[in-house]
């Protein structure tokens, strides 16, 4: 299994937007995204200047319906 790289919330947000997710709402430092076709909703913590934890990044990708390999293929 490939080890997850350190990524920022901004990088992950860009990936999710390219895959069709749209911003639904922001509450403090958390952004809620929704995919209009699948109806999947995910919450992404946005902390400027900080990397997401590797486990959290993988969990967000999985909740959005993607694998780590899907993300790495776009880098």
PDB file of N, CA and C in Angstrom:
ATOM      1  N   UNK A   1       0.841  -1.179   0.000  1.00  0.00           N
ATOM      2  CA  UNK A   1       0.000   0.000   0.000  1.00  0.00           C
ATOM      3  C   UNK A   1       0.885   1.240   0.000  1.00  0.00           C
ATOM      4  N   UNK A   2       0.462   2.244  -0.739  1.00  0.00           N
ATOM      5  CA  UNK A   2       1.202   3.487  -0.838  1.00  0.00           C
ATOM      6  C   UNK A   2       0.968   4.329   0.401  1.00  0.00           C
ATOM      7  N   UNK A   3       2.037   4.915   0.901  1.00  0.00           N
ATOM      8  CA  UNK A   3       1.903   5.791   2.063  1.00  0.00           C
ATOM      9  C   UNK A   3       1.395   7.151   1.612  1.00  0.00           C
ATOM     10  N   UNK A   4       0.458   7.690   2.341  1.00  0.00           N
ATOM     11  CA  UNK A   4      -0.141   8.975   2.004  1.00  0.00           C
ATOM     12  C   UNK A   4       0.886  10.092   2.165  1.00  0.00           C
ATOM     13  N   UNK A   5       0.962  10.999   1.200  1.00  0.00           N
ATOM     14  CA  UNK A   5       1.878  12.127   1.334  1.00  0.00           C
ATOM     15  C   UNK A   5       1.278  13.192   2.249  1.00  0.00           C
ATOM     16  N   UNK A   6       2.104  14.088   2.720  1.00  0.00           N
ATOM     17  CA  UNK A   6       1.593  15.240   3.466  1.00  0.00           C
ATOM     18  C   UNK A   6       0.972  16.195   2.455  1.00  0.00           C
ATOM     19  N   UNK A   7      -0.282  16.539   2.644  1.00  0.00           N
ATOM     20  CA  UNK A   7      -0.943  17.476   1.742  1.00  0.00           C
ATOM     21  C   UNK A   7      -1.681  18.515   2.562  1.00  0.00           C
ATOM     22  N   UNK A   8      -1.902  19.649   1.945  1.00  0.00           N
ATOM     23  CA  UNK A   8      -2.653  20.708   2.617  1.00  0.00           C
ATOM     24  C   UNK A   8      -4.128  20.573   2.266  1.00  0.00           C
ATOM     25  N   UNK A   9      -4.947  21.219   3.051  1.00  0.00           N
ATOM     26  CA  UNK A   9      -6.382  21.217   2.791  1.00  0.00           C
ATOM     27  C   UNK A   9      -6.666  21.872   1.439  1.00  0.00           C
ATOM     28  N   UNK A  10      -5.887  22.890   1.088  1.00  0.00           N
ATOM     29  CA  UNK A  10      -6.078  23.579  -0.195  1.00  0.00           C
ATOM     30  C   UNK A  10      -5.838  22.627  -1.371  1.00  0.00           C
ATOM     31  N   UNK A  11      -4.806  21.778  -1.275  1.00  0.00           N
ATOM     32  CA  UNK A  11      -4.537  20.807  -2.338  1.00  0.00           C
ATOM     33  C   UNK A  11      -5.672  19.791  -2.456  1.00  0.00           C
ATOM     34  N   UNK A  12      -6.139  19.306  -1.324  1.00  0.00           N
ATOM     35  CA  UNK A  12      -7.229  18.339  -1.332  1.00  0.00           C
ATOM     36  C   UNK A  12      -8.525  18.979  -1.822  1.00  0.00           C
ATOM     37  N   UNK A  13      -8.753  20.219  -1.438  1.00  0.00           N
ATOM     38  CA  UNK A  13      -9.932  20.943  -1.900  1.00  0.00           C
ATOM     39  C   UNK A  13      -9.907  21.094  -3.418  1.00  0.00           C
ATOM     40  N   UNK A  14      -8.757  21.419  -3.975  1.00  0.00           N
ATOM     41  CA  UNK A  14      -8.628  21.539  -5.429  1.00  0.00           C
ATOM     42  C   UNK A  14      -8.955  20.236  -6.135  1.00  0.00           C
ATOM     43  N   UNK A  15      -8.454  19.122  -5.598  1.00  0.00           N
ATOM     44  CA  UNK A  15      -8.747  17.808  -6.170  1.00  0.00           C
ATOM     45  C   UNK A  15     -10.251  17.532  -6.144  1.00  0.00           C
ATOM     46  N   UNK A  16     -10.873  17.769  -4.998  1.00  0.00           N
ATOM     47  CA  UNK A  16     -12.299  17.486  -4.863  1.00  0.00           C
ATOM     48  C   UNK A  16     -13.140  18.367  -5.778  1.00  0.00           C
ATOM     49  N   UNK A  17     -12.762  19.631  -5.936  1.00  0.00           N
ATOM     50  CA  UNK A  17     -13.501  20.514  -6.845  1.00  0.00           C
ATOM     51  C   UNK A  17     -13.357  20.055  -8.298  1.00  0.00           C
ATOM     52  N   UNK A  18     -12.166  19.597  -8.671  1.00  0.00           N
ATOM     53  CA  UNK A  18     -11.973  19.085 -10.036  1.00  0.00           C
ATOM     54  C   UNK A  18     -12.820  17.845 -10.275  1.00  0.00           C
ATOM     55  N   UNK A  19     -13.127  17.121  -9.219  1.00  0.00           N
ATOM     56  CA  UNK A  19     -13.942  15.915  -9.326  1.00  0.00           C
ATOM     57  C   UNK A  19     -15.439  16.206  -9.192  1.00  0.00           C
ATOM     58  N   UNK A  20     -15.810  17.479  -9.114  1.00  0.00           N
ATOM     59  CA  UNK A  20     -17.223  17.836  -9.148  1.00  0.00           C
ATOM     60  C   UNK A  20     -17.843  18.276  -7.839  1.00  0.00           C
ATOM     61  N   UNK A  21     -17.103  18.258  -6.742  1.00  0.00           N
ATOM     62  CA  UNK A  21     -17.663  18.702  -5.467  1.00  0.00           C
ATOM     63  C   UNK A  21     -17.799  20.219  -5.464  1.00  0.00           C
ATOM     64  N   UNK A  22     -18.859  20.712  -4.838  1.00  0.00           N
ATOM     65  CA  UNK A  22     -19.082  22.155  -4.735  1.00  0.00           C
ATOM     66  C   UNK A  22     -19.174  22.546  -3.262  1.00  0.00           C
ATOM     67  N   UNK A  23     -18.782  23.782  -2.986  1.00  0.00           N
ATOM     68  CA  UNK A  23     -18.847  24.279  -1.612  1.00  0.00           C
ATOM     69  C   UNK A  23     -20.307  24.495  -1.240  1.00  0.00           C
ATOM     70  N   UNK A  24     -20.708  23.913  -0.131  1.00  0.00           N
ATOM     71  CA  UNK A  24     -22.081  24.055   0.331  1.00  0.00           C
ATOM     72  C   UNK A  24     -22.176  25.097   1.439  1.00  0.00           C
ATOM     73  N   UNK A  25     -21.274  25.010   2.411  1.00  0.00           N
ATOM     74  CA  UNK A  25     -21.282  25.994   3.495  1.00  0.00           C
ATOM     75  C   UNK A  25     -19.954  25.957   4.236  1.00  0.00           C
ATOM     76  N   UNK A  26     -19.692  27.021   4.981  1.00  0.00           N
ATOM     77  CA  UNK A  26     -18.484  27.118   5.804  1.00  0.00           C
ATOM     78  C   UNK A  26     -18.925  27.440   7.224  1.00  0.00           C
ATOM     79  N   UNK A  27     -18.335  26.733   8.167  1.00  0.00           N
ATOM     80  CA  UNK A  27     -18.630  26.981   9.568  1.00  0.00           C
ATOM     81  C   UNK A  27     -17.300  27.051  10.299  1.00  0.00           C
ATOM     82  N   UNK A  28     -16.879  28.245  10.614  1.00  0.00           N
ATOM     83  CA  UNK A  28     -15.583  28.408  11.267  1.00  0.00           C
ATOM     84  C   UNK A  28     -14.468  27.976  10.343  1.00  0.00           C
ATOM     85  N   UNK A  29     -13.676  27.016  10.777  1.00  0.00           N
ATOM     86  CA  UNK A  29     -12.553  26.551   9.967  1.00  0.00           C
ATOM     87  C   UNK A  29     -12.874  25.245   9.235  1.00  0.00           C
ATOM     88  N   UNK A  30     -14.146  24.933   9.076  1.00  0.00           N
ATOM     89  CA  UNK A  30     -14.551  23.716   8.379  1.00  0.00           C
ATOM     90  C   UNK A  30     -15.424  24.063   7.181  1.00  0.00           C
ATOM     91  N   UNK A  31     -15.152  23.394   6.072  1.00  0.00           N
ATOM     92  CA  UNK A  31     -15.878  23.613   4.832  1.00  0.00           C
ATOM     93  C   UNK A  31     -16.640  22.337   4.497  1.00  0.00           C
ATOM     94  N   UNK A  32     -17.916  22.476   4.195  1.00  0.00           N
ATOM     95  CA  UNK A  32     -18.728  21.333   3.804  1.00  0.00           C
ATOM     96  C   UNK A  32     -18.887  21.358   2.293  1.00  0.00           C
ATOM     97  N   UNK A  33     -18.580  20.224   1.671  1.00  0.00           N
ATOM     98  CA  UNK A  33     -18.668  20.074   0.221  1.00  0.00           C
ATOM     99  C   UNK A  33     -19.699  19.006  -0.107  1.00  0.00           C
ATOM    100  N   UNK A  34     -20.358  19.180  -1.251  1.00  0.00           N
ATOM    101  CA  UNK A  34     -21.366  18.206  -1.681  1.00  0.00           C
ATOM    102  C   UNK A  34     -21.169  17.925  -3.157  1.00  0.00           C
ATOM    103  N   UNK A  35     -21.361  16.674  -3.540  1.00  0.00           N
ATOM    104  CA  UNK A  35     -21.301  16.313  -4.951  1.00  0.00           C
ATOM    105  C   UNK A  35     -22.727  16.266  -5.468  1.00  0.00           C
ATOM    106  N   UNK A  36     -23.052  17.055  -6.500  1.00  0.00           N
ATOM    107  CA  UNK A  36     -24.441  17.143  -6.961  1.00  0.00           C
ATOM    108  C   UNK A  36     -24.990  15.845  -7.535  1.00  0.00           C
ATOM    109  N   UNK A  37     -24.151  15.000  -8.116  1.00  0.00           N
ATOM    110  CA  UNK A  37     -24.640  13.758  -8.719  1.00  0.00           C
ATOM    111  C   UNK A  37     -24.816  12.642  -7.707  1.00  0.00           C
ATOM    112  N   UNK A  38     -23.796  12.420  -6.893  1.00  0.00           N
ATOM    113  CA  UNK A  38     -23.848  11.303  -5.946  1.00  0.00           C
ATOM    114  C   UNK A  38     -24.527  11.682  -4.641  1.00  0.00           C
ATOM    115  N   UNK A  39     -24.581  12.983  -4.329  1.00  0.00           N
ATOM    116  CA  UNK A  39     -25.165  13.420  -3.072  1.00  0.00           C
ATOM    117  C   UNK A  39     -24.228  13.264  -1.885  1.00  0.00           C
ATOM    118  N   UNK A  40     -23.006  12.805  -2.124  1.00  0.00           N
ATOM    119  CA  UNK A  40     -22.035  12.653  -1.026  1.00  0.00           C
ATOM    120  C   UNK A  40     -21.713  14.019  -0.434  1.00  0.00           C
ATOM    121  N   UNK A  41     -21.643  14.062   0.881  1.00  0.00           N
ATOM    122  CA  UNK A  41     -21.293  15.280   1.595  1.00  0.00           C
ATOM    123  C   UNK A  41     -20.088  14.979   2.478  1.00  0.00           C
ATOM    124  N   UNK A  42     -19.093  15.860   2.428  1.00  0.00           N
ATOM    125  CA  UNK A  42     -17.912  15.696   3.263  1.00  0.00           C
ATOM    126  C   UNK A  42     -17.577  17.026   3.922  1.00  0.00           C
ATOM    127  N   UNK A  43     -16.910  16.949   5.043  1.00  0.00           N
ATOM    128  CA  UNK A  43     -16.457  18.136   5.754  1.00  0.00           C
ATOM    129  C   UNK A  43     -14.939  18.131   5.761  1.00  0.00           C
ATOM    130  N   UNK A  44     -14.367  19.268   5.365  1.00  0.00           N
ATOM    131  CA  UNK A  44     -12.922  19.395   5.253  1.00  0.00           C
ATOM    132  C   UNK A  44     -12.442  20.502   6.186  1.00  0.00           C
ATOM    133  N   UNK A  45     -11.537  20.185   7.121  1.00  0.00           N
ATOM    134  CA  UNK A  45     -10.997  21.239   7.979  1.00  0.00           C
ATOM    135  C   UNK A  45     -10.012  22.094   7.185  1.00  0.00           C
ATOM    136  N   UNK A  46     -10.164  23.404   7.271  1.00  0.00           N
ATOM    137  CA  UNK A  46      -9.301  24.340   6.550  1.00  0.00           C
ATOM    138  C   UNK A  46      -8.510  25.125   7.586  1.00  0.00           C
ATOM    139  N   UNK A  47      -7.254  24.747   7.769  1.00  0.00           N
ATOM    140  CA  UNK A  47      -6.372  25.445   8.700  1.00  0.00           C
ATOM    141  C   UNK A  47      -5.188  25.949   7.892  1.00  0.00           C
ATOM    142  N   UNK A  48      -5.159  27.224   7.616  1.00  0.00           N
ATOM    143  CA  UNK A  48      -4.150  27.823   6.756  1.00  0.00           C
ATOM    144  C   UNK A  48      -2.744  27.529   7.257  1.00  0.00           C
ATOM    145  N   UNK A  49      -1.894  27.091   6.333  1.00  0.00           N
ATOM    146  CA  UNK A  49      -0.497  26.851   6.656  1.00  0.00           C
ATOM    147  C   UNK A  49      -0.211  25.518   7.316  1.00  0.00           C
ATOM    148  N   UNK A  50      -1.229  24.695   7.520  1.00  0.00           N
ATOM    149  CA  UNK A  50      -1.030  23.398   8.175  1.00  0.00           C
ATOM    150  C   UNK A  50      -1.363  22.267   7.205  1.00  0.00           C
ATOM    151  N   UNK A  51      -0.585  21.200   7.285  1.00  0.00           N
ATOM    152  CA  UNK A  51      -0.889  20.001   6.512  1.00  0.00           C
ATOM    153  C   UNK A  51      -1.992  19.228   7.219  1.00  0.00           C
ATOM    154  N   UNK A  52      -2.770  18.506   6.422  1.00  0.00           N
ATOM    155  CA  UNK A  52      -3.739  17.579   7.006  1.00  0.00           C
ATOM    156  C   UNK A  52      -2.975  16.360   7.495  1.00  0.00           C
ATOM    157  N   UNK A  53      -3.456  15.735   8.513  1.00  0.00           N
ATOM    158  CA  UNK A  53      -2.855  14.472   8.932  1.00  0.00           C
ATOM    159  C   UNK A  53      -3.040  13.441   7.830  1.00  0.00           C
ATOM    160  N   UNK A  54      -2.092  12.540   7.701  1.00  0.00           N
ATOM    161  CA  UNK A  54      -2.172  11.536   6.629  1.00  0.00           C
ATOM    162  C   UNK A  54      -3.455  10.702   6.740  1.00  0.00           C
ATOM    163  N   UNK A  55      -3.770  10.292   7.941  1.00  0.00           N
ATOM    164  CA  UNK A  55      -4.973   9.489   8.139  1.00  0.00           C
ATOM    165  C   UNK A  55      -6.237  10.253   7.802  1.00  0.00           C
ATOM    166  N   UNK A  56      -6.266  11.526   8.162  1.00  0.00           N
ATOM    167  CA  UNK A  56      -7.433  12.358   7.867  1.00  0.00           C
ATOM    168  C   UNK A  56      -7.588  12.545   6.368  1.00  0.00           C
ATOM    169  N   UNK A  57      -6.489  12.774   5.665  1.00  0.00           N
ATOM    170  CA  UNK A  57      -6.552  12.959   4.210  1.00  0.00           C
ATOM    171  C   UNK A  57      -7.107  11.702   3.534  1.00  0.00           C
ATOM    172  N   UNK A  58      -6.632  10.546   3.962  1.00  0.00           N
ATOM    173  CA  UNK A  58      -7.111   9.286   3.385  1.00  0.00           C
ATOM    174  C   UNK A  58      -8.589   9.093   3.699  1.00  0.00           C
ATOM    175  N   UNK A  59      -8.995   9.436   4.919  1.00  0.00           N
ATOM    176  CA  UNK A  59     -10.403   9.290   5.319  1.00  0.00           C
ATOM    177  C   UNK A  59     -11.320  10.199   4.489  1.00  0.00           C
ATOM    178  N   UNK A  60     -10.902  11.440   4.276  1.00  0.00           N
ATOM    179  CA  UNK A  60     -11.698  12.371   3.467  1.00  0.00           C
ATOM    180  C   UNK A  60     -11.813  11.841   2.043  1.00  0.00           C
ATOM    181  N   UNK A  61     -10.709  11.368   1.482  1.00  0.00           N
ATOM    182  CA  UNK A  61     -10.760  10.801   0.129  1.00  0.00           C
ATOM    183  C   UNK A  61     -11.718   9.618   0.066  1.00  0.00           C
ATOM    184  N   UNK A  62     -11.627   8.735   1.031  1.00  0.00           N
ATOM    185  CA  UNK A  62     -12.492   7.553   1.051  1.00  0.00           C
ATOM    186  C   UNK A  62     -13.966   7.961   1.207  1.00  0.00           C
ATOM    187  N   UNK A  63     -14.239   8.919   2.089  1.00  0.00           N
ATOM    188  CA  UNK A  63     -15.616   9.383   2.271  1.00  0.00           C
ATOM    189  C   UNK A  63     -16.162  10.028   0.998  1.00  0.00           C
ATOM    190  N   UNK A  64     -15.261  10.625   0.199  1.00  0.00           N
ATOM    191  CA  UNK A  64     -15.667  11.260  -1.052  1.00  0.00           C
ATOM    192  C   UNK A  64     -15.798  10.249  -2.190  1.00  0.00           C
ATOM    193  N   UNK A  65     -15.381   9.009  -1.941  1.00  0.00           N
ATOM    194  CA  UNK A  65     -15.517   7.968  -2.955  1.00  0.00           C
ATOM    195  C   UNK A  65     -14.270   7.745  -3.785  1.00  0.00           C
ATOM    196  N   UNK A  66     -13.118   8.204  -3.302  1.00  0.00           N
ATOM    197  CA  UNK A  66     -11.860   8.066  -4.030  1.00  0.00           C
ATOM    198  C   UNK A  66     -10.847   7.302  -3.191  1.00  0.00           C
ATOM    199  N   UNK A  67      -9.854   6.777  -3.873  1.00  0.00           N
ATOM    200  CA  UNK A  67      -8.765   6.107  -3.183  1.00  0.00           C
ATOM    201  C   UNK A  67      -7.544   7.024  -3.180  1.00  0.00           C
ATOM    202  N   UNK A  68      -6.563   6.681  -2.408  1.00  0.00           N
ATOM    203  CA  UNK A  68      -5.312   7.427  -2.394  1.00  0.00           C
ATOM    204  C   UNK A  68      -4.676   7.395  -3.776  1.00  0.00           C
ATOM    205  N   UNK A  69      -4.765   6.262  -4.448  1.00  0.00           N
ATOM    206  CA  UNK A  69      -4.196   6.139  -5.790  1.00  0.00           C
ATOM    207  C   UNK A  69      -4.884   7.093  -6.779  1.00  0.00           C
ATOM    208  N   UNK A  70      -6.201   7.303  -6.629  1.00  0.00           N
ATOM    209  CA  UNK A  70      -6.903   8.278  -7.477  1.00  0.00           C
ATOM    210  C   UNK A  70      -6.301   9.658  -7.313  1.00  0.00           C
ATOM    211  N   UNK A  71      -6.025  10.035  -6.069  1.00  0.00           N
ATOM    212  CA  UNK A  71      -5.443  11.349  -5.790  1.00  0.00           C
ATOM    213  C   UNK A  71      -4.020  11.439  -6.331  1.00  0.00           C
ATOM    214  N   UNK A  72      -3.212  10.417  -6.075  1.00  0.00           N
ATOM    215  CA  UNK A  72      -1.814  10.432  -6.495  1.00  0.00           C
ATOM    216  C   UNK A  72      -1.674  10.468  -8.007  1.00  0.00           C
ATOM    217  N   UNK A  73      -2.628   9.905  -8.742  1.00  0.00           N
ATOM    218  CA  UNK A  73      -2.574   9.899 -10.202  1.00  0.00           C
ATOM    219  C   UNK A  73      -2.729  11.291 -10.784  1.00  0.00           C
ATOM    220  N   UNK A  74      -3.277  12.213 -10.011  1.00  0.00           N
ATOM    221  CA  UNK A  74      -3.487  13.578 -10.508  1.00  0.00           C
ATOM    222  C   UNK A  74      -2.369  14.519 -10.114  1.00  0.00           C
ATOM    223  N   UNK A  75      -1.434  14.076  -9.307  1.00  0.00           N
ATOM    224  CA  UNK A  75      -0.344  14.947  -8.853  1.00  0.00           C
ATOM    225  C   UNK A  75       0.715  15.084  -9.894  1.00  0.00           C
TER     226      UNK A  75
END
